[in-house]
N, C-alpha and C. Protein backbone atom coordinates (compact mmCIF):
# COMPACT_ATOMS: atom_id res chain seq x y z
N GLU A 1 0.89 -1.33 -0.05
CA GLU A 1 0.24 -0.06 -0.09
C GLU A 1 0.51 1.11 -0.17
N TYR A 2 2.02 1.05 0.29
CA TYR A 2 3.15 2.23 0.11
C TYR A 2 3.04 3.15 -1.03
N VAL A 3 2.84 2.06 -2.05
CA VAL A 3 2.97 2.61 -3.48
C VAL A 3 1.51 3.70 -3.85
N CYS A 4 0.52 3.85 -2.89
CA CYS A 4 -0.72 4.32 -3.20
C CYS A 4 -0.65 5.88 -2.21
N GLN A 5 0.82 5.96 -1.21
CA GLN A 5 1.06 7.09 -0.80
C GLN A 5 1.95 8.30 -1.96
N ASP A 6 1.96 7.42 -3.09
CA ASP A 6 3.24 8.03 -3.86
C ASP A 6 1.82 9.40 -4.69
N ILE A 7 2.13 9.98 -5.09
CA ILE A 7 1.32 11.40 -5.56
C ILE A 7 1.29 11.28 -7.41
N ASP A 8 2.89 10.83 -7.68
CA ASP A 8 3.25 10.46 -8.68
C ASP A 8 2.35 8.91 -9.40
N TYR A 9 2.21 8.00 -8.91
CA TYR A 9 1.58 6.88 -8.73
C TYR A 9 0.28 7.12 -8.96
N VAL A 10 -0.44 7.70 -7.74
CA VAL A 10 -2.03 8.14 -8.07
C VAL A 10 -2.21 8.67 -8.86
N GLU A 11 -1.52 9.98 -9.39
CA GLU A 11 -1.82 10.85 -10.53
C GLU A 11 -2.20 10.28 -11.59
N ASN A 12 -1.13 9.37 -11.84
CA ASN A 12 -1.02 8.13 -12.98
C ASN A 12 -2.42 7.08 -13.20
N ILE A 13 -2.63 7.11 -12.15
CA ILE A 13 -3.87 5.79 -11.61
C ILE A 13 -5.52 6.51 -12.46
N LEU A 14 -5.19 7.90 -12.01
CA LEU A 14 -6.33 8.66 -11.96
C LEU A 14 -6.52 8.73 -13.66
N LYS A 15 -5.27 8.95 -14.32
CA LYS A 15 -5.17 9.05 -16.03
C LYS A 15 -5.63 7.67 -16.54
N ILE A 16 -5.30 6.52 -16.19
CA ILE A 16 -6.26 5.79 -16.38
C ILE A 16 -7.74 5.24 -16.36
N LEU A 17 -8.10 6.00 -14.99
CA LEU A 17 -9.25 5.46 -14.90
C LEU A 17 -10.09 5.28 -15.75
N PRO A 18 -10.75 5.92 -16.70
CA PRO A 18 -11.27 6.12 -17.43
C PRO A 18 -11.53 4.83 -18.82
N PHE A 19 -10.11 4.57 -18.88
CA PHE A 19 -10.53 3.24 -19.39
C PHE A 19 -10.43 1.91 -18.94
N VAL A 20 -10.72 2.27 -17.83
CA VAL A 20 -10.50 0.35 -16.86
C VAL A 20 -11.92 0.43 -16.61
N ASN A 21 -11.75 -1.18 -16.55
CA ASN A 21 -13.68 -1.91 -16.28
C ASN A 21 -12.89 -2.40 -14.78
N PHE A 22 -11.82 -2.86 -14.67
CA PHE A 22 -11.82 -3.41 -12.82
C PHE A 22 -10.92 -2.89 -12.49
N ILE A 23 -10.93 -2.97 -11.18
CA ILE A 23 -9.85 -2.04 -10.44
C ILE A 23 -10.01 -3.21 -9.00
N PHE A 24 -8.76 -3.26 -8.71
CA PHE A 24 -8.41 -4.88 -7.92
C PHE A 24 -7.59 -4.20 -6.71
N GLY A 25 -7.68 -4.30 -5.49
CA GLY A 25 -6.89 -3.99 -4.91
C GLY A 25 -7.32 -4.31 -3.17
N ASN A 26 -6.60 -4.45 -2.09
CA ASN A 26 -7.07 -4.55 -1.05
C ASN A 26 -7.46 -3.58 -0.03
N CYS A 27 -8.35 -3.74 1.40
CA CYS A 27 -8.99 -2.45 1.73
C CYS A 27 -8.66 -1.02 1.97
N SER A 28 -6.91 -1.36 2.70
CA SER A 28 -5.72 -0.79 3.21
C SER A 28 -5.08 -0.49 1.70
N GLU A 29 -5.15 -0.89 0.67
CA GLU A 29 -4.52 -0.28 -0.35
C GLU A 29 -6.15 1.12 -1.06
N PHE A 30 -7.14 0.63 -1.16
CA PHE A 30 -7.51 1.65 -1.54
C PHE A 30 -8.09 2.75 -0.93
N ASP A 31 -7.98 2.34 0.85
CA ASP A 31 -8.15 3.50 2.01
C ASP A 31 -6.73 4.66 1.95
N VAL A 32 -5.69 3.96 1.58
CA VAL A 32 -4.29 4.66 1.57
C VAL A 32 -4.48 5.83 0.36
N PHE A 33 -4.90 4.99 -0.78
CA PHE A 33 -5.15 5.44 -1.71
C PHE A 33 -5.80 6.87 -1.81
N MET A 34 -7.06 6.41 -1.54
CA MET A 34 -8.18 7.59 -1.32
C MET A 34 -8.07 8.71 -0.65
N THR A 35 -7.20 7.96 0.70
CA THR A 35 -7.09 9.38 1.53
C THR A 35 -5.80 10.37 0.75
N THR A 36 -4.86 10.07 -0.04
CA THR A 36 -3.63 10.47 -0.65
C THR A 36 -4.08 11.57 -1.83
N VAL A 37 -5.51 10.93 -2.41
CA VAL A 37 -5.99 11.52 -3.66
C VAL A 37 -6.66 13.23 -2.59
N GLU A 38 -7.59 12.48 -1.72
CA GLU A 38 -8.05 13.87 -0.73
C GLU A 38 -7.00 15.13 0.06
N SER A 39 -6.08 14.53 0.16
CA SER A 39 -5.49 15.16 0.43
C SER A 39 -4.56 16.28 -0.16
N LYS A 40 -3.84 15.31 -1.25
CA LYS A 40 -2.66 15.75 -2.15
C LYS A 40 -3.43 16.29 -2.80
N LEU A 41 -4.54 16.01 -3.91
CA LEU A 41 -5.01 16.80 -5.04
C LEU A 41 -6.01 17.41 -4.79
N LYS A 42 -6.33 18.51 -5.85
CA LYS A 42 -7.75 19.45 -6.04
C LYS A 42 -9.18 18.84 -6.10
N THR A 43 -8.96 17.47 -6.94
CA THR A 43 -10.03 17.30 -7.65
C THR A 43 -10.64 15.88 -6.74
N PHE A 44 -11.35 15.45 -6.88
CA PHE A 44 -11.31 14.30 -6.29
C PHE A 44 -12.48 13.69 -7.36
N PRO A 45 -12.24 12.54 -8.11
CA PRO A 45 -12.47 12.12 -8.85
C PRO A 45 -14.43 11.38 -8.73
N GLU A 46 -15.12 11.92 -9.54
CA GLU A 46 -16.69 11.81 -8.61
C GLU A 46 -16.72 9.64 -8.77
N ALA A 47 -16.14 9.26 -9.72
CA ALA A 47 -16.20 7.65 -9.02
C ALA A 47 -15.52 7.28 -8.00
N LEU A 48 -14.27 8.07 -7.68
CA LEU A 48 -13.75 7.72 -5.87
C LEU A 48 -15.01 8.19 -5.42
N LYS A 49 -15.79 9.35 -5.43
CA LYS A 49 -16.30 9.48 -4.68
C LYS A 49 -17.22 8.86 -4.22
N ASN A 50 -17.83 8.18 -5.03
CA ASN A 50 -19.05 7.14 -5.31
C ASN A 50 -18.47 5.90 -4.59
N LEU A 51 -17.04 5.38 -4.72
CA LEU A 51 -16.63 4.20 -3.77
C LEU A 51 -16.28 4.52 -2.56
N HIS A 52 -15.63 5.24 -2.30
CA HIS A 52 -16.00 5.84 -0.83
C HIS A 52 -16.84 5.58 0.57
N SER A 53 -18.35 6.22 -0.63
CA SER A 53 -19.29 6.68 0.19
C SER A 53 -19.76 5.00 0.40
N MET A 54 -19.94 4.23 -1.07
CA MET A 54 -20.30 2.91 -1.07
C MET A 54 -19.69 1.91 0.05
N MET A 55 -18.15 2.14 0.58
CA MET A 55 -17.13 1.46 1.19
C MET A 55 -17.52 2.14 2.57
N THR A 56 -18.15 2.95 2.61
CA THR A 56 -18.39 3.26 4.12
C THR A 56 -19.81 3.10 4.74
N SER A 57 -20.65 2.42 3.26
CA SER A 57 -22.10 2.68 3.86
C SER A 57 -22.66 1.33 4.06
N LYS A 58 -23.62 1.20 4.93
CA LYS A 58 -24.38 -0.19 4.82
C LYS A 58 -25.49 -0.30 3.83
N ASP A 59 -25.48 0.19 2.70
CA ASP A 59 -26.60 -0.15 2.03
C ASP A 59 -26.51 -1.88 1.36
N THR A 60 -28.08 -1.97 0.97
CA THR A 60 -28.51 -3.27 0.26
C THR A 60 -27.42 -3.82 -0.90
N GLU A 61 -27.09 -4.91 -0.78
CA GLU A 61 -26.85 -5.45 -1.96
C GLU A 61 -27.07 -6.24 -3.25
N SER A 62 -26.89 -6.08 -4.07
CA SER A 62 -27.06 -6.52 -5.64
C SER A 62 -26.77 -8.17 -5.27
N THR A 63 -27.58 -9.23 -5.88
CA THR A 63 -26.74 -10.41 -6.53
C THR A 63 -26.42 -10.22 -7.23
N GLU A 64 -26.28 -9.51 -8.07
CA GLU A 64 -25.04 -9.83 -9.05
C GLU A 64 -24.66 -8.39 -10.18
N ILE A 65 -23.75 -8.15 -10.43
CA ILE A 65 -23.55 -6.96 -10.88
C ILE A 65 -23.62 -7.31 -12.83
N VAL A 66 -24.71 -6.92 -13.15
CA VAL A 66 -24.90 -7.11 -14.93
C VAL A 66 -24.07 -5.88 -15.63
N ASP A 67 -23.94 -4.78 -15.36
CA ASP A 67 -23.57 -3.95 -15.94
C ASP A 67 -21.88 -4.04 -15.78
N THR A 68 -21.33 -3.91 -17.17
CA THR A 68 -19.46 -4.17 -16.42
C THR A 68 -18.98 -3.34 -17.35
N THR A 69 -19.66 -2.82 -17.89
CA THR A 69 -19.36 -1.42 -18.91
C THR A 69 -18.62 -0.11 -18.27
N ASN A 70 -19.21 -0.08 -16.99
CA ASN A 70 -18.52 1.08 -15.63
C ASN A 70 -17.58 0.32 -14.81
N LEU A 71 -16.74 1.23 -14.48
CA LEU A 71 -15.71 0.96 -13.35
C LEU A 71 -16.14 0.47 -11.87
N ILE A 72 -15.61 -0.68 -12.03
CA ILE A 72 -15.95 -1.37 -11.11
C ILE A 72 -14.78 -1.93 -9.98
N ALA A 73 -14.98 -1.73 -8.80
CA ALA A 73 -13.82 -1.92 -7.65
C ALA A 73 -14.17 -3.24 -7.26
N VAL A 74 -13.16 -4.05 -6.87
CA VAL A 74 -13.28 -5.15 -6.80
C VAL A 74 -12.38 -5.20 -5.06
N VAL A 75 -12.39 -4.84 -3.84
CA VAL A 75 -12.28 -4.90 -3.11
C VAL A 75 -11.59 -6.44 -1.62
N THR A 76 -10.64 -6.39 -1.48
CA THR A 76 -10.56 -8.28 -0.83
C THR A 76 -10.22 -7.63 0.41
N ASP A 77 -10.38 -8.50 1.35
CA ASP A 77 -9.38 -8.46 3.01
C ASP A 77 -9.35 -9.05 3.72
N GLY A 78 -8.60 -10.01 3.14
CA GLY A 78 -8.54 -11.05 3.91
C GLY A 78 -9.52 -12.62 3.97
N CYS A 79 -9.62 -12.83 4.99
CA CYS A 79 -10.48 -13.78 5.19
C CYS A 79 -12.07 -13.07 5.15
N LYS A 80 -12.20 -11.82 5.27
CA LYS A 80 -13.55 -10.95 5.19
C LYS A 80 -14.31 -11.48 3.90
N PRO A 81 -15.04 -11.28 3.68
CA PRO A 81 -15.84 -11.02 2.47
C PRO A 81 -15.51 -10.35 1.53
N VAL A 82 -15.10 -10.47 -0.03
CA VAL A 82 -14.58 -9.79 -1.06
C VAL A 82 -15.97 -8.88 -1.53
N ARG A 83 -15.72 -7.56 -1.19
CA ARG A 83 -16.59 -6.66 -1.80
C ARG A 83 -16.01 -6.18 -3.44
N CYS A 84 -17.58 -6.14 -4.01
CA CYS A 84 -17.55 -5.16 -5.42
C CYS A 84 -18.32 -4.46 -5.73
N TYR A 85 -18.23 -3.39 -5.81
CA TYR A 85 -18.81 -2.02 -6.44
C TYR A 85 -18.87 -1.22 -7.68
N SER A 86 -19.84 -1.65 -8.10
CA SER A 86 -19.87 -1.10 -9.36
C SER A 86 -20.57 0.61 -9.39
N LEU A 87 -19.59 1.42 -10.21
CA LEU A 87 -19.60 2.76 -10.02
C LEU A 87 -20.49 3.47 -11.32
N GLY A 88 -21.26 3.27 -11.79
CA GLY A 88 -21.48 3.76 -13.13
C GLY A 88 -22.86 4.49 -12.58
N GLU A 89 -24.07 4.95 -13.65
CA GLU A 89 -25.22 5.35 -13.22
C GLU A 89 -25.56 4.75 -11.93
N LYS A 90 -25.89 3.42 -12.23
CA LYS A 90 -26.38 2.98 -10.94
C LYS A 90 -25.38 2.27 -10.00
N LEU A 91 -25.40 3.16 -9.17
CA LEU A 91 -24.03 2.35 -8.12
C LEU A 91 -24.71 1.10 -7.06
N GLN A 92 -24.03 -0.34 -7.47
CA GLN A 92 -24.56 -1.46 -7.32
C GLN A 92 -23.30 -1.98 -6.04
N THR A 93 -23.30 -2.77 -5.15
CA THR A 93 -22.77 -3.11 -3.59
C THR A 93 -23.10 -4.63 -4.05
N MET A 94 -21.73 -5.67 -4.08
CA MET A 94 -22.05 -6.67 -4.33
C MET A 94 -20.88 -7.71 -3.28
N THR A 95 -21.01 -8.80 -2.51
CA THR A 95 -20.17 -9.21 -1.65
C THR A 95 -20.20 -10.65 -1.79
N VAL A 96 -19.08 -11.50 -1.61
CA VAL A 96 -18.79 -13.02 -1.78
C VAL A 96 -18.14 -13.71 -0.62
N GLN A 97 -18.39 -14.41 -0.17
CA GLN A 97 -18.09 -14.81 1.41
C GLN A 97 -16.35 -15.37 1.00
N VAL A 98 -16.24 -15.33 1.89
CA VAL A 98 -14.33 -15.96 1.45
C VAL A 98 -14.52 -17.07 3.08
N PRO A 99 -14.49 -18.71 2.90
CA PRO A 99 -14.68 -19.44 3.66
C PRO A 99 -12.83 -19.13 4.59
N ARG A 100 -13.13 -19.53 5.86
CA ARG A 100 -11.80 -19.79 6.21
C ARG A 100 -11.23 -21.04 5.67
N VAL A 101 -9.90 -21.02 5.95
CA VAL A 101 -9.20 -22.37 5.97
C VAL A 101 -8.78 -22.74 6.80
N PRO A 102 -8.28 -24.18 7.21
CA PRO A 102 -7.81 -24.18 9.18
C PRO A 102 -6.45 -23.67 8.78
N GLN A 103 -5.81 -22.66 9.84
CA GLN A 103 -4.56 -21.94 9.79
C GLN A 103 -3.33 -23.53 9.43
N GLN A 104 -3.81 -24.75 9.61
CA GLN A 104 -2.71 -25.82 9.59
C GLN A 104 -2.24 -26.32 8.04
N ILE A 105 -3.15 -25.87 7.35
CA ILE A 105 -3.32 -26.03 5.60
C ILE A 105 -2.94 -24.54 5.13
N ILE A 106 -2.33 -23.68 5.31
CA ILE A 106 -1.96 -22.61 4.85
C ILE A 106 -0.88 -22.49 5.02
N LYS A 107 0.12 -22.83 3.84
CA LYS A 107 1.50 -22.58 3.77
C LYS A 107 2.16 -21.12 3.14
N ASP A 108 1.42 -20.64 2.66
CA ASP A 108 1.89 -19.33 2.21
C ASP A 108 0.59 -18.45 1.52
N THR A 109 1.07 -17.25 1.50
CA THR A 109 0.02 -16.15 1.42
C THR A 109 0.66 -15.43 0.20
N ILE A 110 1.88 -15.70 -0.13
CA ILE A 110 2.50 -14.83 -1.45
C ILE A 110 1.86 -15.16 -2.55
N GLY A 111 1.58 -14.26 -3.43
CA GLY A 111 0.62 -14.61 -4.49
C GLY A 111 -0.59 -14.62 -4.59
N ALA A 112 -1.12 -14.70 -3.65
CA ALA A 112 -2.45 -15.01 -3.59
C ALA A 112 -3.23 -13.60 -4.49
N GLY A 113 -2.96 -12.33 -4.16
CA GLY A 113 -3.69 -11.61 -4.62
C GLY A 113 -3.21 -11.92 -6.31
N ASP A 114 -2.43 -11.94 -6.48
CA ASP A 114 -1.75 -12.09 -7.88
C ASP A 114 -3.05 -13.08 -8.90
N SER A 115 -3.35 -14.66 -8.00
CA SER A 115 -3.92 -15.39 -8.07
C SER A 115 -5.28 -15.11 -8.22
N PHE A 116 -5.46 -14.49 -7.21
CA PHE A 116 -7.06 -13.85 -7.05
C PHE A 116 -7.26 -13.41 -8.59
N ILE A 117 -6.52 -12.40 -8.91
CA ILE A 117 -7.03 -11.48 -10.15
C ILE A 117 -6.72 -12.38 -11.35
N ALA A 118 -5.93 -13.67 -11.45
CA ALA A 118 -5.99 -14.39 -12.25
C ALA A 118 -7.08 -15.08 -12.29
N GLY A 119 -7.57 -15.64 -11.63
CA GLY A 119 -8.62 -16.55 -11.31
C GLY A 119 -10.03 -15.59 -12.03
N PHE A 120 -9.92 -13.96 -11.57
CA PHE A 120 -11.19 -13.52 -12.00
C PHE A 120 -10.93 -13.18 -13.21
N MET A 121 -9.80 -13.03 -13.43
CA MET A 121 -9.75 -12.28 -15.30
C MET A 121 -9.99 -14.01 -16.33
N PHE A 122 -9.85 -15.12 -15.82
CA PHE A 122 -9.67 -16.55 -16.33
C PHE A 122 -11.23 -16.31 -16.76
N ALA A 123 -12.25 -16.36 -15.41
CA ALA A 123 -13.34 -16.83 -15.41
C ALA A 123 -14.16 -15.75 -16.29
N PHE A 124 -13.98 -14.64 -16.21
CA PHE A 124 -14.71 -13.22 -16.53
C PHE A 124 -14.48 -13.21 -18.39
N LEU A 125 -13.44 -13.57 -18.90
CA LEU A 125 -13.02 -13.45 -20.20
C LEU A 125 -13.71 -15.03 -20.11
N ARG A 126 -13.84 -15.94 -19.64
CA ARG A 126 -14.79 -17.14 -20.76
C ARG A 126 -15.65 -17.06 -20.51
N GLY A 127 -16.82 -15.98 -20.21
CA GLY A 127 -18.07 -15.26 -19.94
C GLY A 127 -18.75 -15.72 -18.70
N ASP A 128 -18.20 -15.76 -17.66
CA ASP A 128 -19.01 -15.89 -16.52
C ASP A 128 -19.36 -14.32 -16.05
N SER A 129 -20.24 -14.73 -14.78
CA SER A 129 -20.90 -13.33 -14.29
C SER A 129 -19.87 -12.53 -13.74
N VAL A 130 -19.93 -11.85 -13.04
CA VAL A 130 -19.00 -10.89 -12.12
C VAL A 130 -18.97 -12.12 -10.73
N ARG A 131 -20.23 -12.60 -9.95
CA ARG A 131 -20.20 -13.54 -9.02
C ARG A 131 -19.21 -14.31 -9.35
N GLU A 132 -19.75 -15.46 -10.37
CA GLU A 132 -18.91 -16.08 -10.47
C GLU A 132 -17.74 -16.27 -10.83
N SER A 133 -17.27 -14.83 -11.32
CA SER A 133 -15.63 -14.90 -11.48
C SER A 133 -14.87 -14.53 -10.23
N LEU A 134 -15.63 -13.74 -9.59
CA LEU A 134 -15.42 -14.02 -8.04
C LEU A 134 -14.93 -14.89 -7.25
N GLU A 135 -16.29 -15.68 -7.56
CA GLU A 135 -16.01 -17.36 -6.49
C GLU A 135 -14.93 -17.86 -7.07
N THR A 136 -14.41 -17.98 -8.14
CA THR A 136 -13.30 -18.79 -8.99
C THR A 136 -12.37 -17.83 -8.67
N ALA A 137 -12.06 -16.46 -8.22
CA ALA A 137 -11.10 -16.04 -7.76
C ALA A 137 -10.73 -16.76 -6.68
N VAL A 138 -11.17 -16.22 -5.39
CA VAL A 138 -11.83 -17.05 -4.04
C VAL A 138 -10.79 -18.01 -3.94
N TRP A 139 -11.22 -18.96 -4.97
CA TRP A 139 -11.17 -20.83 -4.79
C TRP A 139 -9.76 -20.65 -5.54
N THR A 140 -9.25 -20.06 -6.34
CA THR A 140 -8.27 -19.95 -7.43
C THR A 140 -7.03 -19.28 -6.23
N ALA A 141 -7.17 -18.21 -5.20
CA ALA A 141 -6.48 -17.71 -4.24
C ALA A 141 -6.29 -18.48 -3.18
N GLY A 142 -7.43 -19.35 -3.02
CA GLY A 142 -7.45 -20.38 -1.52
C GLY A 142 -6.51 -21.41 -1.98
N MET A 143 -6.34 -21.56 -3.42
CA MET A 143 -5.89 -23.13 -3.90
C MET A 143 -4.27 -22.63 -3.92
N MET A 144 -3.56 -21.27 -3.81
CA MET A 144 -2.56 -20.78 -4.18
C MET A 144 -1.92 -20.59 -2.29
N ILE A 145 -2.82 -20.47 -1.66
CA ILE A 145 -2.20 -20.54 -0.15
C ILE A 145 -2.12 -21.88 0.40
N GLN A 146 -2.35 -22.73 -0.32
CA GLN A 146 -1.88 -24.07 0.52
C GLN A 146 -0.58 -24.80 -0.35
N GLN A 147 -0.19 -23.81 -0.62
CA GLN A 147 1.35 -24.38 -1.20
C GLN A 147 2.34 -23.40 -1.09
N VAL A 148 3.73 -23.65 -1.29
CA VAL A 148 4.71 -22.82 -0.51
C VAL A 148 5.28 -22.11 -1.93
N GLY A 149 5.46 -20.87 -1.77
CA GLY A 149 6.43 -19.65 -2.96
C GLY A 149 4.52 -20.12 -4.26
N VAL A 150 5.21 -19.18 -4.77
CA VAL A 150 4.33 -18.64 -5.99
C VAL A 150 4.59 -19.68 -6.91
N THR A 151 3.84 -21.32 -7.13
CA THR A 151 4.01 -22.27 -7.97
C THR A 151 3.29 -23.11 -8.16
N LEU A 152 2.67 -23.60 -9.31
CA LEU A 152 1.48 -24.55 -9.81
C LEU A 152 1.90 -25.39 -8.83
N PRO A 153 -0.07 -25.94 -8.67
CA PRO A 153 0.10 -27.06 -8.06
C PRO A 153 1.22 -28.40 -8.60
N GLN A 154 1.39 -29.26 -7.47
CA GLN A 154 2.35 -30.74 -7.81
C GLN A 154 1.15 -31.39 -9.23
N LYS A 155 -0.33 -31.27 -8.31
CA LYS A 155 -1.05 -32.13 -9.11
C LYS A 155 -1.86 -30.98 -9.69
N LYS A 156 -2.68 -31.59 -10.91
CA LYS A 156 -3.59 -30.74 -11.08
C LYS A 156 -5.07 -30.40 -10.74
N GLN A 157 -5.63 -29.31 -10.09
CA GLN A 157 -6.66 -29.08 -9.20
C GLN A 157 -8.01 -29.33 -9.91
N ASP A 158 -8.72 -30.04 -9.45
CA ASP A 158 -10.42 -29.95 -10.53
C ASP A 158 -11.00 -28.50 -9.69
N MET A 159 -11.06 -27.64 -10.61
CA MET A 159 -11.64 -26.10 -10.36
C MET A 159 -13.62 -27.04 -10.86
N PRO A 160 -13.89 -26.53 -9.39
CA PRO A 160 -15.72 -26.66 -9.65
C PRO A 160 -16.62 -25.81 -11.24
N VAL A 161 -17.12 -26.60 -11.62
CA VAL A 161 -17.98 -26.08 -12.61
C VAL A 161 -18.36 -24.68 -12.13
N ILE A 162 -19.09 -24.78 -10.67
CA ILE A 162 -20.14 -23.50 -10.21
C ILE A 162 -19.43 -23.81 -9.03
N VAL A 163 -18.58 -22.45 -8.47
CA VAL A 163 -18.23 -22.73 -7.50
C VAL A 163 -19.16 -21.70 -5.97
N LYS A 164 -19.39 -22.39 -5.44
CA LYS A 164 -19.99 -21.94 -4.60
C LYS A 164 -19.57 -21.76 -3.27
N GLY A 165 -18.42 -21.10 -3.23
CA GLY A 165 -17.58 -20.60 -2.16
C GLY A 165 -16.33 -20.89 -2.16
N SER A 166 -15.05 -20.70 -1.28
CA SER A 166 -13.94 -21.29 -1.71
C SER A 166 -13.27 -20.38 -0.04
N VAL A 167 -11.93 -20.65 -0.67
CA VAL A 167 -10.87 -20.58 0.81
C VAL A 167 -10.57 -19.09 0.98
N ASN A 168 -10.07 -18.73 2.16
CA ASN A 168 -8.77 -18.01 3.14
C ASN A 168 -8.34 -17.52 2.01
N HIS A 169 -7.68 -16.19 2.03
CA HIS A 169 -6.63 -15.77 1.01
C HIS A 169 -6.35 -14.45 1.51
N CYS A 170 -5.01 -13.81 0.93
CA CYS A 170 -4.62 -12.53 1.59
C CYS A 170 -4.10 -11.97 -0.16
N SER A 171 -4.63 -10.55 0.31
CA SER A 171 -3.62 -9.78 -1.09
C SER A 171 -2.40 -9.10 -1.05
N ASP A 172 -1.74 -9.16 -2.09
CA ASP A 172 -0.92 -8.30 -2.05
C ASP A 172 -0.64 -6.97 -2.19
N SER A 173 0.32 -6.10 -2.54
CA SER A 173 0.18 -4.63 -2.54
C SER A 173 0.45 -3.96 -3.44
N THR A 174 0.00 -4.65 -4.56
CA THR A 174 -0.21 -3.80 -5.71
C THR A 174 -1.42 -3.60 -6.56
N ALA A 175 -1.73 -2.41 -7.16
CA ALA A 175 -2.81 -2.63 -7.37
C ALA A 175 -2.86 -2.62 -9.24
N HIS A 176 -4.05 -3.28 -9.55
CA HIS A 176 -3.76 -4.27 -10.64
C HIS A 176 -5.51 -3.57 -11.44
N PHE A 177 -5.65 -3.72 -13.04
CA PHE A 177 -6.34 -2.77 -13.54
C PHE A 177 -6.56 -3.70 -14.47
N SER A 178 -8.05 -4.04 -15.53
CA SER A 178 -8.41 -4.52 -16.30
C SER A 178 -8.71 -3.37 -17.06
N LEU A 179 -7.27 -3.30 -18.53
CA LEU A 179 -7.94 -1.73 -19.36
C LEU A 179 -9.19 -2.27 -20.15
N ARG A 180 -10.02 -1.43 -20.63
CA ARG A 180 -11.61 -1.28 -21.39
C ARG A 180 -10.49 -1.76 -22.54
N SER A 181 -11.63 -2.58 -23.63
CA SER A 181 -11.04 -2.58 -25.17
C SER A 181 -12.25 -3.25 -25.88
N SER A 182 -12.40 -2.75 -26.89
CA SER A 182 -13.45 -3.20 -27.37
C SER A 182 -13.68 -4.62 -27.91
N GLN A 183 -12.27 -5.35 -27.80
CA GLN A 183 -12.41 -6.71 -27.90
C GLN A 183 -12.61 -7.85 -27.13
N GLU A 184 -11.85 -7.09 -25.89
CA GLU A 184 -11.69 -7.82 -24.58
C GLU A 184 -10.72 -7.28 -23.47
N SER A 185 -10.64 -7.62 -22.13
CA SER A 185 -9.89 -7.30 -21.03
C SER A 185 -8.85 -7.47 -21.17
N VAL A 186 -8.11 -6.95 -20.68
CA VAL A 186 -6.48 -6.98 -20.62
C VAL A 186 -5.95 -6.76 -19.33
N LYS A 187 -5.53 -7.64 -18.47
CA LYS A 187 -4.90 -7.38 -17.22
C LYS A 187 -3.31 -6.65 -17.38
N VAL A 188 -3.40 -5.49 -16.37
CA VAL A 188 -2.21 -4.78 -16.31
C VAL A 188 -1.58 -4.87 -14.67
N ASN A 189 -0.78 -4.71 -14.85
CA ASN A 189 0.01 -4.66 -13.32
C ASN A 189 0.67 -3.49 -13.33
N ILE A 190 0.13 -2.42 -12.57
CA ILE A 190 0.90 -1.12 -12.26
C ILE A 190 1.43 -0.82 -10.70
């Protein structure tokens, strides 16, 4: 999250926001990023104002976010539910549960955030809904934390066709974005 305090980094992220469909980060990263914007910049983009108010409110949730043409913020928070915010004309909030993994089978949390994003993008690009993509993301991160290092499993894991929940994960401190494109989404780490 230290990078979210760097005004140059923050300004660059704000420049690309109009071209982004998805922004991924953990709760601390989003908090620090928004604090940096509020304290060091003269303008506060409408999308971030909406995100800030949605993250602090207890509004009702949607069961699914259908319109993916607007900015969607995906906020992880360890083993707490993943929160997803659609920041378009119709503001929507959705959460996906993250079931706990017994501590004795968690081997390493490094790479869990990147695995989460990879799982999401894999599912979303194959046509899954946002909720299904988040469930796949949680499952993917859960598989990663059961291994030492950022490595593929020794044996292929069967991914559920429809994931109905998954395991605990932790996010890394890098913000990730999926750029808008008329053909497809592209994952970019910044």
